[in-house]
Protein backbone atom coordinates (compact mmCIF):
# COMPACT_ATOMS: atom_id res chain seq x y z
CA UNK A 1 81.56 80.89 83.89
CA UNK A 2 83.03 83.46 86.17
CA UNK A 3 86.24 82.53 87.90
CA UNK A 4 86.23 79.06 86.35
CA UNK A 5 86.74 80.34 82.79
CA UNK A 6 90.52 80.25 83.20
CA UNK A 7 90.22 76.52 83.88
CA UNK A 8 87.37 75.56 81.54
CA UNK A 9 88.56 77.10 78.24
CA UNK A 10 92.05 75.53 78.31
CA UNK A 11 90.41 72.18 79.09
CA UNK A 12 88.07 72.56 76.11
CA UNK A 13 91.05 73.47 73.94
CA UNK A 14 93.01 70.46 75.15
CA UNK A 15 90.08 68.13 74.40
CA UNK A 16 89.67 69.54 70.88
CA UNK A 17 93.42 69.20 70.25
CA UNK A 18 93.58 65.63 71.58
CA UNK A 19 90.48 64.56 69.63
CA UNK A 20 91.93 66.09 66.45
CA UNK A 21 95.23 64.26 66.90
CA UNK A 22 93.45 60.97 67.60
CA UNK A 23 91.22 61.48 64.56
CA UNK A 24 94.24 62.10 62.34
CA UNK A 25 96.06 59.05 63.72
CA UNK A 26 92.98 56.90 63.13
CA UNK A 27 92.50 58.23 59.58
CA UNK A 28 96.19 57.66 58.78
CA UNK A 29 96.07 54.12 60.19
CA UNK A 30 92.96 53.35 58.12
CA UNK A 31 94.68 54.52 54.94
CA UNK A 32 97.78 52.43 55.70
CA UNK A 33 95.65 49.36 56.41
CA UNK A 34 93.74 49.90 53.16
CA UNK A 35 97.01 50.06 51.20
CA UNK A 36 98.27 46.86 52.85
CA UNK A 37 94.95 45.13 52.15
CA UNK A 38 95.07 46.17 48.50
CA UNK A 39 98.65 44.92 48.15
CA UNK A 40 97.84 41.58 49.80
CA UNK A 41 94.79 41.19 47.58
CA UNK A 42 96.95 41.82 44.51
CA UNK A 43 99.48 39.22 45.68
CA UNK A 44 96.70 36.72 46.31
CA UNK A 45 95.36 37.26 42.79
CA UNK A 46 98.84 36.67 41.37
CA UNK A 47 99.17 33.42 43.32
CA UNK A 48 95.74 32.27 42.15
CA UNK A 49 96.63 33.04 38.54
CA UNK A 50 99.87 31.03 38.82
CA UNK A 51 97.95 27.92 39.89
CA UNK A 52 95.85 27.99 36.74
């Protein structure tokens, strides 16, 4: 890479860091959505059982 190594390696590091942060945010959001979905499903089941 020659003289460009001082530019290339920090860029690679930044991309890996940004992709890791975005992956964590996405994973955390998915887990939160799954918890909300489960809670709403439970509430729906309770409402359906009340109607019977």
